[in-house]
Amino acid sequence: MNMNPMKLLQMQESFNRFKNNHPKFPLFVNAVMKEGIKEGTVIEITVTTPEGKHYNSNLKVTADDLELIESLKQ
């Protein structure tokens, strides 16, 4: 898969802005990745809107999910 170098540069700039805006999130992701996501791991997500409405969901990681994660790493 070939990627346009300009698009890659834009993505890098966007990611750098994201890291500057949310410095704790990459640290969190690195800590999780260091421990390793294994089959059976439960990932929970909570979203709170500015109005205070909450949305919650979770998923249990499957072997297929791990395969997708590995392909994205490459």
PDB file of N, CA and C in Angstrom:
ATOM      1  N   MET A   1       0.854  -1.184   0.000  1.00  0.00           N
ATOM      2  CA  MET A   1       0.000   0.000   0.000  1.00  0.00           C
ATOM      3  C   MET A   1       0.895   1.241   0.000  1.00  0.00           C
ATOM      4  N   ASN A   2       0.768   2.063  -1.031  1.00  0.00           N
ATOM      5  CA  ASN A   2       1.544   3.298  -1.131  1.00  0.00           C
ATOM      6  C   ASN A   2       0.751   4.450  -0.553  1.00  0.00           C
ATOM      7  N   MET A   3       1.445   5.310   0.196  1.00  0.00           N
ATOM      8  CA  MET A   3       0.782   6.459   0.779  1.00  0.00           C
ATOM      9  C   MET A   3       1.430   7.724   0.237  1.00  0.00           C
ATOM     10  N   ASN A   4       0.618   8.684  -0.098  1.00  0.00           N
ATOM     11  CA  ASN A   4       1.077   9.981  -0.562  1.00  0.00           C
ATOM     12  C   ASN A   4       1.944  10.620   0.527  1.00  0.00           C
ATOM     13  N   PRO A   5       3.186  11.011   0.221  1.00  0.00           N
ATOM     14  CA  PRO A   5       4.075  11.608   1.231  1.00  0.00           C
ATOM     15  C   PRO A   5       3.476  12.858   1.881  1.00  0.00           C
ATOM     16  N   MET A   6       2.735  13.647   1.115  1.00  0.00           N
ATOM     17  CA  MET A   6       2.115  14.858   1.699  1.00  0.00           C
ATOM     18  C   MET A   6       1.041  14.470   2.715  1.00  0.00           C
ATOM     19  N   LYS A   7       0.274  13.430   2.402  1.00  0.00           N
ATOM     20  CA  LYS A   7      -0.768  12.959   3.320  1.00  0.00           C
ATOM     21  C   LYS A   7      -0.126  12.417   4.596  1.00  0.00           C
ATOM     22  N   LEU A   8       0.988  11.709   4.437  1.00  0.00           N
ATOM     23  CA  LEU A   8       1.712  11.177   5.583  1.00  0.00           C
ATOM     24  C   LEU A   8       2.223  12.310   6.475  1.00  0.00           C
ATOM     25  N   LEU A   9       2.730  13.363   5.869  1.00  0.00           N
ATOM     26  CA  LEU A   9       3.215  14.522   6.620  1.00  0.00           C
ATOM     27  C   LEU A   9       2.061  15.202   7.365  1.00  0.00           C
ATOM     28  N   GLN A  10       0.915  15.334   6.706  1.00  0.00           N
ATOM     29  CA  GLN A  10      -0.265  15.928   7.352  1.00  0.00           C
ATOM     30  C   GLN A  10      -0.714  15.086   8.539  1.00  0.00           C
ATOM     31  N   MET A  11      -0.681  13.756   8.370  1.00  0.00           N
ATOM     32  CA  MET A  11      -1.071  12.874   9.469  1.00  0.00           C
ATOM     33  C   MET A  11      -0.116  13.020  10.639  1.00  0.00           C
ATOM     34  N   GLN A  12       1.165  13.133  10.354  1.00  0.00           N
ATOM     35  CA  GLN A  12       2.166  13.304  11.407  1.00  0.00           C
ATOM     36  C   GLN A  12       1.930  14.610  12.162  1.00  0.00           C
ATOM     37  N   GLU A  13       1.652  15.672  11.445  1.00  0.00           N
ATOM     38  CA  GLU A  13       1.376  16.962  12.079  1.00  0.00           C
ATOM     39  C   GLU A  13       0.117  16.888  12.933  1.00  0.00           C
ATOM     40  N   SER A  14      -0.902  16.232  12.431  1.00  0.00           N
ATOM     41  CA  SER A  14      -2.152  16.071  13.189  1.00  0.00           C
ATOM     42  C   SER A  14      -1.906  15.260  14.457  1.00  0.00           C
ATOM     43  N   PHE A  15      -1.129  14.183  14.333  1.00  0.00           N
ATOM     44  CA  PHE A  15      -0.832  13.356  15.495  1.00  0.00           C
ATOM     45  C   PHE A  15      -0.023  14.141  16.528  1.00  0.00           C
ATOM     46  N   ASN A  16       0.916  14.958  16.090  1.00  0.00           N
ATOM     47  CA  ASN A  16       1.692  15.788  17.019  1.00  0.00           C
ATOM     48  C   ASN A  16       0.797  16.780  17.758  1.00  0.00           C
ATOM     49  N   ARG A  17      -0.156  17.381  17.054  1.00  0.00           N
ATOM     50  CA  ARG A  17      -1.114  18.285  17.712  1.00  0.00           C
ATOM     51  C   ARG A  17      -1.948  17.523  18.739  1.00  0.00           C
ATOM     52  N   PHE A  18      -2.390  16.309  18.362  1.00  0.00           N
ATOM     53  CA  PHE A  18      -3.174  15.478  19.280  1.00  0.00           C
ATOM     54  C   PHE A  18      -2.371  15.196  20.549  1.00  0.00           C
ATOM     55  N   LYS A  19      -1.089  14.820  20.391  1.00  0.00           N
ATOM     56  CA  LYS A  19      -0.244  14.541  21.557  1.00  0.00           C
ATOM     57  C   LYS A  19      -0.061  15.780  22.424  1.00  0.00           C
ATOM     58  N   ASN A  20       0.064  16.946  21.805  1.00  0.00           N
ATOM     59  CA  ASN A  20       0.203  18.191  22.573  1.00  0.00           C
ATOM     60  C   ASN A  20      -1.084  18.539  23.306  1.00  0.00           C
ATOM     61  N   ASN A  21      -2.224  18.284  22.672  1.00  0.00           N
ATOM     62  CA  ASN A  21      -3.514  18.584  23.288  1.00  0.00           C
ATOM     63  C   ASN A  21      -3.895  17.585  24.382  1.00  0.00           C
ATOM     64  N   HIS A  22      -3.399  16.351  24.270  1.00  0.00           N
ATOM     65  CA  HIS A  22      -3.781  15.276  25.190  1.00  0.00           C
ATOM     66  C   HIS A  22      -2.529  14.492  25.614  1.00  0.00           C
ATOM     67  N   PRO A  23      -1.614  15.124  26.346  1.00  0.00           N
ATOM     68  CA  PRO A  23      -0.317  14.500  26.634  1.00  0.00           C
ATOM     69  C   PRO A  23      -0.404  13.202  27.443  1.00  0.00           C
ATOM     70  N   LYS A  24      -1.437  13.013  28.243  1.00  0.00           N
ATOM     71  CA  LYS A  24      -1.537  11.800  29.057  1.00  0.00           C
ATOM     72  C   LYS A  24      -2.026  10.600  28.260  1.00  0.00           C
ATOM     73  N   PHE A  25      -2.742  10.835  27.157  1.00  0.00           N
ATOM     74  CA  PHE A  25      -3.310   9.711  26.414  1.00  0.00           C
ATOM     75  C   PHE A  25      -2.250   8.822  25.778  1.00  0.00           C
ATOM     76  N   PRO A  26      -1.243   9.372  25.087  1.00  0.00           N
ATOM     77  CA  PRO A  26      -0.197   8.487  24.548  1.00  0.00           C
ATOM     78  C   PRO A  26       0.538   7.711  25.648  1.00  0.00           C
ATOM     79  N   LEU A  27       0.720   8.306  26.818  1.00  0.00           N
ATOM     80  CA  LEU A  27       1.354   7.608  27.937  1.00  0.00           C
ATOM     81  C   LEU A  27       0.490   6.434  28.380  1.00  0.00           C
ATOM     82  N   PHE A  28      -0.817   6.652  28.431  1.00  0.00           N
ATOM     83  CA  PHE A  28      -1.769   5.594  28.781  1.00  0.00           C
ATOM     84  C   PHE A  28      -1.690   4.453  27.767  1.00  0.00           C
ATOM     85  N   VAL A  29      -1.732   4.789  26.478  1.00  0.00           N
ATOM     86  CA  VAL A  29      -1.681   3.773  25.426  1.00  0.00           C
ATOM     87  C   VAL A  29      -0.362   2.999  25.499  1.00  0.00           C
ATOM     88  N   ASN A  30       0.747   3.704  25.721  1.00  0.00           N
ATOM     89  CA  ASN A  30       2.042   3.029  25.833  1.00  0.00           C
ATOM     90  C   ASN A  30       2.071   2.063  27.017  1.00  0.00           C
ATOM     91  N   ALA A  31       1.486   2.459  28.145  1.00  0.00           N
ATOM     92  CA  ALA A  31       1.444   1.582  29.318  1.00  0.00           C
ATOM     93  C   ALA A  31       0.631   0.329  29.018  1.00  0.00           C
ATOM     94  N   VAL A  32      -0.490   0.494  28.349  1.00  0.00           N
ATOM     95  CA  VAL A  32      -1.336  -0.653  27.991  1.00  0.00           C
ATOM     96  C   VAL A  32      -0.593  -1.565  27.016  1.00  0.00           C
ATOM     97  N   MET A  33       0.050  -0.979  26.010  1.00  0.00           N
ATOM     98  CA  MET A  33       0.753  -1.779  25.016  1.00  0.00           C
ATOM     99  C   MET A  33       1.951  -2.501  25.640  1.00  0.00           C
ATOM    100  N   LYS A  34       2.581  -1.875  26.625  1.00  0.00           N
ATOM    101  CA  LYS A  34       3.718  -2.507  27.303  1.00  0.00           C
ATOM    102  C   LYS A  34       3.253  -3.762  28.033  1.00  0.00           C
ATOM    103  N   GLU A  35       2.102  -3.688  28.668  1.00  0.00           N
ATOM    104  CA  GLU A  35       1.531  -4.849  29.356  1.00  0.00           C
ATOM    105  C   GLU A  35       1.071  -5.887  28.344  1.00  0.00           C
ATOM    106  N   GLY A  36       0.562  -5.388  27.221  1.00  0.00           N
ATOM    107  CA  GLY A  36       0.111  -6.281  26.158  1.00  0.00           C
ATOM    108  C   GLY A  36      -1.386  -6.530  26.229  1.00  0.00           C
ATOM    109  N   ILE A  37      -2.015  -6.441  25.081  1.00  0.00           N
ATOM    110  CA  ILE A  37      -3.439  -6.763  24.988  1.00  0.00           C
ATOM    111  C   ILE A  37      -3.516  -8.222  24.563  1.00  0.00           C
ATOM    112  N   LYS A  38      -4.175  -9.015  25.380  1.00  0.00           N
ATOM    113  CA  LYS A  38      -4.283 -10.442  25.126  1.00  0.00           C
ATOM    114  C   LYS A  38      -5.740 -10.798  24.835  1.00  0.00           C
ATOM    115  N   GLU A  39      -5.921 -11.963  24.231  1.00  0.00           N
ATOM    116  CA  GLU A  39      -7.280 -12.453  24.009  1.00  0.00           C
ATOM    117  C   GLU A  39      -7.981 -12.541  25.363  1.00  0.00           C
ATOM    118  N   GLY A  40      -9.205 -12.039  25.414  1.00  0.00           N
ATOM    119  CA  GLY A  40      -9.965 -12.029  26.662  1.00  0.00           C
ATOM    120  C   GLY A  40      -9.893 -10.703  27.404  1.00  0.00           C
ATOM    121  N   THR A  41      -8.978  -9.813  26.998  1.00  0.00           N
ATOM    122  CA  THR A  41      -8.898  -8.478  27.598  1.00  0.00           C
ATOM    123  C   THR A  41     -10.198  -7.733  27.318  1.00  0.00           C
ATOM    124  N   VAL A  42     -10.705  -7.016  28.311  1.00  0.00           N
ATOM    125  CA  VAL A  42     -11.919  -6.216  28.137  1.00  0.00           C
ATOM    126  C   VAL A  42     -11.512  -4.752  28.026  1.00  0.00           C
ATOM    127  N   ILE A  43     -11.969  -4.108  26.959  1.00  0.00           N
ATOM    128  CA  ILE A  43     -11.721  -2.682  26.749  1.00  0.00           C
ATOM    129  C   ILE A  43     -13.046  -1.966  26.955  1.00  0.00           C
ATOM    130  N   GLU A  44     -13.056  -1.005  27.865  1.00  0.00           N
ATOM    131  CA  GLU A  44     -14.264  -0.240  28.157  1.00  0.00           C
ATOM    132  C   GLU A  44     -14.070   1.203  27.712  1.00  0.00           C
ATOM    133  N   ILE A  45     -15.123   1.771  27.166  1.00  0.00           N
ATOM    134  CA  ILE A  45     -15.082   3.147  26.686  1.00  0.00           C
ATOM    135  C   ILE A  45     -16.280   3.891  27.255  1.00  0.00           C
ATOM    136  N   THR A  46     -16.028   5.080  27.793  1.00  0.00           N
ATOM    137  CA  THR A  46     -17.092   5.956  28.267  1.00  0.00           C
ATOM    138  C   THR A  46     -16.922   7.307  27.588  1.00  0.00           C
ATOM    139  N   VAL A  47     -18.003   7.818  27.023  1.00  0.00           N
ATOM    140  CA  VAL A  47     -18.005   9.136  26.402  1.00  0.00           C
ATOM    141  C   VAL A  47     -19.021   9.990  27.150  1.00  0.00           C
ATOM    142  N   THR A  48     -18.600  11.183  27.562  1.00  0.00           N
ATOM    143  CA  THR A  48     -19.488  12.133  28.227  1.00  0.00           C
ATOM    144  C   THR A  48     -19.563  13.384  27.371  1.00  0.00           C
ATOM    145  N   THR A  49     -20.773  13.741  26.951  1.00  0.00           N
ATOM    146  CA  THR A  49     -20.960  14.933  26.128  1.00  0.00           C
ATOM    147  C   THR A  49     -20.837  16.183  26.999  1.00  0.00           C
ATOM    148  N   PRO A  50     -20.642  17.354  26.388  1.00  0.00           N
ATOM    149  CA  PRO A  50     -20.592  18.592  27.175  1.00  0.00           C
ATOM    150  C   PRO A  50     -21.875  18.813  27.984  1.00  0.00           C
ATOM    151  N   GLU A  51     -22.987  18.220  27.520  1.00  0.00           N
ATOM    152  CA  GLU A  51     -24.262  18.358  28.242  1.00  0.00           C
ATOM    153  C   GLU A  51     -24.388  17.372  29.392  1.00  0.00           C
ATOM    154  N   GLY A  52     -23.413  16.473  29.539  1.00  0.00           N
ATOM    155  CA  GLY A  52     -23.425  15.535  30.649  1.00  0.00           C
ATOM    156  C   GLY A  52     -24.033  14.175  30.328  1.00  0.00           C
ATOM    157  N   LYS A  53     -24.385  13.925  29.086  1.00  0.00           N
ATOM    158  CA  LYS A  53     -24.938  12.627  28.713  1.00  0.00           C
ATOM    159  C   LYS A  53     -23.792  11.614  28.592  1.00  0.00           C
ATOM    160  N   HIS A  54     -24.016  10.402  29.103  1.00  0.00           N
ATOM    161  CA  HIS A  54     -22.984   9.370  29.118  1.00  0.00           C
ATOM    162  C   HIS A  54     -23.328   8.233  28.160  1.00  0.00           C
ATOM    163  N   TYR A  55     -22.315   7.770  27.445  1.00  0.00           N
ATOM    164  CA  TYR A  55     -22.415   6.597  26.589  1.00  0.00           C
ATOM    165  C   TYR A  55     -21.312   5.645  27.030  1.00  0.00           C
ATOM    166  N   ASN A  56     -21.664   4.395  27.297  1.00  0.00           N
ATOM    167  CA  ASN A  56     -20.691   3.404  27.740  1.00  0.00           C
ATOM    168  C   ASN A  56     -20.774   2.171  26.848  1.00  0.00           C
ATOM    169  N   SER A  57     -19.622   1.573  26.598  1.00  0.00           N
ATOM    170  CA  SER A  57     -19.580   0.328  25.850  1.00  0.00           C
ATOM    171  C   SER A  57     -18.314  -0.421  26.236  1.00  0.00           C
ATOM    172  N   ASN A  58     -18.306  -1.716  25.947  1.00  0.00           N
ATOM    173  CA  ASN A  58     -17.091  -2.496  26.168  1.00  0.00           C
ATOM    174  C   ASN A  58     -17.021  -3.603  25.134  1.00  0.00           C
ATOM    175  N   LEU A  59     -15.828  -4.150  24.994  1.00  0.00           N
ATOM    176  CA  LEU A  59     -15.652  -5.295  24.107  1.00  0.00           C
ATOM    177  C   LEU A  59     -14.600  -6.207  24.694  1.00  0.00           C
ATOM    178  N   LYS A  60     -14.775  -7.494  24.450  1.00  0.00           N
ATOM    179  CA  LYS A  60     -13.777  -8.482  24.859  1.00  0.00           C
ATOM    180  C   LYS A  60     -12.951  -8.812  23.633  1.00  0.00           C
ATOM    181  N   VAL A  61     -11.639  -8.656  23.738  1.00  0.00           N
ATOM    182  CA  VAL A  61     -10.725  -8.842  22.621  1.00  0.00           C
ATOM    183  C   VAL A  61     -10.707 -10.317  22.211  1.00  0.00           C
ATOM    184  N   THR A  62     -10.848 -10.535  20.895  1.00  0.00           N
ATOM    185  CA  THR A  62     -10.822 -11.880  20.324  1.00  0.00           C
ATOM    186  C   THR A  62      -9.513 -12.101  19.555  1.00  0.00           C
ATOM    187  N   ALA A  63      -9.291 -13.325  19.125  1.00  0.00           N
ATOM    188  CA  ALA A  63      -8.123 -13.640  18.312  1.00  0.00           C
ATOM    189  C   ALA A  63      -8.159 -12.838  17.005  1.00  0.00           C
ATOM    190  N   ASP A  64      -9.346 -12.673  16.415  1.00  0.00           N
ATOM    191  CA  ASP A  64      -9.476 -11.867  15.197  1.00  0.00           C
ATOM    192  C   ASP A  64      -9.069 -10.422  15.433  1.00  0.00           C
ATOM    193  N   ASP A  65      -9.434  -9.885  16.598  1.00  0.00           N
ATOM    194  CA  ASP A  65      -9.066  -8.509  16.940  1.00  0.00           C
ATOM    195  C   ASP A  65      -7.544  -8.367  17.021  1.00  0.00           C
ATOM    196  N   LEU A  66      -6.898  -9.350  17.634  1.00  0.00           N
ATOM    197  CA  LEU A  66      -5.439  -9.316  17.762  1.00  0.00           C
ATOM    198  C   LEU A  66      -4.774  -9.382  16.393  1.00  0.00           C
ATOM    199  N   GLU A  67      -5.355 -10.156  15.493  1.00  0.00           N
ATOM    200  CA  GLU A  67      -4.835 -10.238  14.131  1.00  0.00           C
ATOM    201  C   GLU A  67      -4.928  -8.873  13.441  1.00  0.00           C
ATOM    202  N   LEU A  68      -6.045  -8.178  13.628  1.00  0.00           N
ATOM    203  CA  LEU A  68      -6.218  -6.835  13.059  1.00  0.00           C
ATOM    204  C   LEU A  68      -5.192  -5.872  13.643  1.00  0.00           C
ATOM    205  N   ILE A  69      -4.989  -5.917  14.952  1.00  0.00           N
ATOM    206  CA  ILE A  69      -4.020  -5.029  15.607  1.00  0.00           C
ATOM    207  C   ILE A  69      -2.623  -5.259  15.040  1.00  0.00           C
ATOM    208  N   GLU A  70      -2.252  -6.510  14.871  1.00  0.00           N
ATOM    209  CA  GLU A  70      -0.932  -6.825  14.310  1.00  0.00           C
ATOM    210  C   GLU A  70      -0.799  -6.308  12.881  1.00  0.00           C
ATOM    211  N   SER A  71      -1.841  -6.434  12.073  1.00  0.00           N
ATOM    212  CA  SER A  71      -1.756  -5.941  10.689  1.00  0.00           C
ATOM    213  C   SER A  71      -1.654  -4.431  10.664  1.00  0.00           C
ATOM    214  N   LEU A  72      -2.300  -3.729  11.609  1.00  0.00           N
ATOM    215  CA  LEU A  72      -2.215  -2.266  11.662  1.00  0.00           C
ATOM    216  C   LEU A  72      -0.832  -1.801  12.097  1.00  0.00           C
ATOM    217  N   LYS A  73      -0.169  -2.589  12.926  1.00  0.00           N
ATOM    218  CA  LYS A  73       1.187  -2.236  13.357  1.00  0.00           C
ATOM    219  C   LYS A  73       2.145  -2.200  12.187  1.00  0.00           C
ATOM    220  N   GLN A  74       1.896  -3.056  11.201  1.00  0.00           N
ATOM    221  CA  GLN A  74       2.778  -3.137  10.044  1.00  0.00           C
ATOM    222  C   GLN A  74       2.348  -2.111   9.049  1.00  0.00           C
TER     223      GLN A  74
END
